[in-house]
Amino acid sequence: PRDEAMSEAIGQVITYQDYNAFDLAGYRVSYDEDSSTATVDLRLDPDSERQFVSLSSCEQRSLFGSVQETLTQNPDWSIEEVEFTNRGEDILL
């Protein structure tokens, strides 16, 4: 299924991201077919020493850009936009 394939792809991208003292507890992905938008809900580990805003601009580009490119570049998914949330709240950087 599409959601499982997207989730697996995101998992692969996140696996290769390793930032000092920044830990994710997990993630969820949902897709709105009407707007062609995927929402990636990243779950920051409550014990993580760093928050999303403490990532450098390069780290932010690496994490968010990699996930966004992975999702939008797959022609089978028809994703035009990717939104990021943390436990349902928009991630503001």
Protein backbone atom coordinates (compact mmCIF):
# COMPACT_ATOMS: atom_id res chain seq x y z
CA PRO A 1 0.00 0.00 0.00
CA ARG A 2 1.02 3.58 -0.74
CA ASP A 3 1.18 4.72 2.91
CA GLU A 4 3.40 1.79 3.85
CA ALA A 5 5.73 2.41 0.90
CA MET A 6 6.00 6.10 1.81
CA SER A 7 6.63 5.25 5.44
CA GLU A 8 9.34 2.75 4.50
CA ALA A 9 11.04 5.28 2.22
CA ILE A 10 11.00 7.92 4.96
CA GLY A 11 12.41 5.38 7.40
CA GLN A 12 15.31 4.72 5.06
CA VAL A 13 16.07 8.44 4.72
CA ILE A 14 15.85 9.07 8.47
CA THR A 15 18.10 6.10 9.21
CA TYR A 16 20.96 7.86 7.43
CA GLN A 17 20.47 11.11 9.37
CA ASP A 18 22.60 11.24 12.50
CA TYR A 19 22.81 14.49 14.40
CA ASN A 20 24.60 14.84 17.70
CA ALA A 21 22.13 14.85 20.64
CA PHE A 22 19.08 14.99 18.31
CA ASP A 23 16.87 11.92 18.60
CA LEU A 24 13.61 11.02 16.93
CA ALA A 25 11.28 8.55 18.61
CA GLY A 26 9.44 7.81 15.39
CA TYR A 27 7.30 9.24 12.61
CA ARG A 28 4.01 8.82 10.80
CA VAL A 29 3.06 9.72 7.26
CA SER A 30 -0.34 10.52 5.83
CA TYR A 31 -1.40 11.48 2.34
CA ASP A 32 -4.24 13.75 1.25
CA GLU A 33 -5.11 12.73 -2.29
CA ASP A 34 -7.27 15.82 -2.90
CA SER A 35 -4.39 18.24 -2.30
CA SER A 36 -1.55 15.86 -3.28
CA THR A 37 0.04 16.66 0.09
CA ALA A 38 1.95 14.29 2.32
CA THR A 39 2.21 15.13 6.01
CA VAL A 40 5.18 13.71 7.87
CA ASP A 41 4.63 13.77 11.61
CA LEU A 42 8.07 13.49 13.20
CA ARG A 43 8.11 12.41 16.83
CA LEU A 44 10.94 14.01 18.75
CA ASP A 45 12.19 11.81 21.57
CA PRO A 46 11.20 13.48 24.86
CA ASP A 47 14.76 12.90 26.12
CA SER A 48 16.40 14.48 23.07
CA GLU A 49 18.87 17.15 24.12
CA ARG A 50 18.21 19.15 20.94
CA GLN A 51 14.99 20.37 19.38
CA PHE A 52 14.09 20.95 15.73
CA VAL A 53 14.96 24.65 16.02
CA SER A 54 18.44 23.82 17.32
CA LEU A 55 19.39 22.04 14.10
CA SER A 56 21.73 24.04 11.93
CA SER A 57 20.43 25.17 8.55
CA CYS A 58 22.50 22.42 6.91
CA GLU A 59 21.04 19.79 9.25
CA GLN A 60 17.53 21.09 8.58
CA ARG A 61 18.09 20.95 4.82
CA SER A 62 19.51 17.46 5.12
CA LEU A 63 16.62 16.08 7.18
CA PHE A 64 13.63 17.89 5.72
CA GLY A 65 14.99 18.26 2.20
CA SER A 66 15.88 14.57 1.93
CA VAL A 67 12.44 13.47 3.05
CA GLN A 68 10.71 16.00 0.81
CA GLU A 69 12.75 15.04 -2.24
CA THR A 70 12.20 11.34 -1.62
CA LEU A 71 8.44 11.81 -1.54
CA THR A 72 8.04 14.33 -4.36
CA GLN A 73 10.41 12.64 -6.78
CA ASN A 74 8.52 9.33 -6.83
CA PRO A 75 6.13 9.55 -9.82
CA ASP A 76 3.92 6.75 -8.47
CA TRP A 77 2.90 8.84 -5.47
CA SER A 78 1.99 12.14 -7.19
CA ILE A 79 3.00 14.22 -4.17
CA GLU A 80 3.29 17.92 -4.85
CA GLU A 81 3.77 19.22 -1.31
CA VAL A 82 5.21 17.88 1.94
CA GLU A 83 4.31 19.28 5.34
CA PHE A 84 6.16 18.50 8.56
CA THR A 85 4.65 18.32 12.03
CA ASN A 86 5.82 17.28 15.49
CA ARG A 87 3.09 15.33 17.27
CA GLY A 88 0.49 17.07 15.10
CA GLU A 89 1.84 20.62 15.55
CA ASP A 90 3.47 22.43 12.61
CA ILE A 91 7.25 22.50 12.84
CA LEU A 92 8.35 26.11 12.75
CA LEU A 93 12.01 26.65 12.01
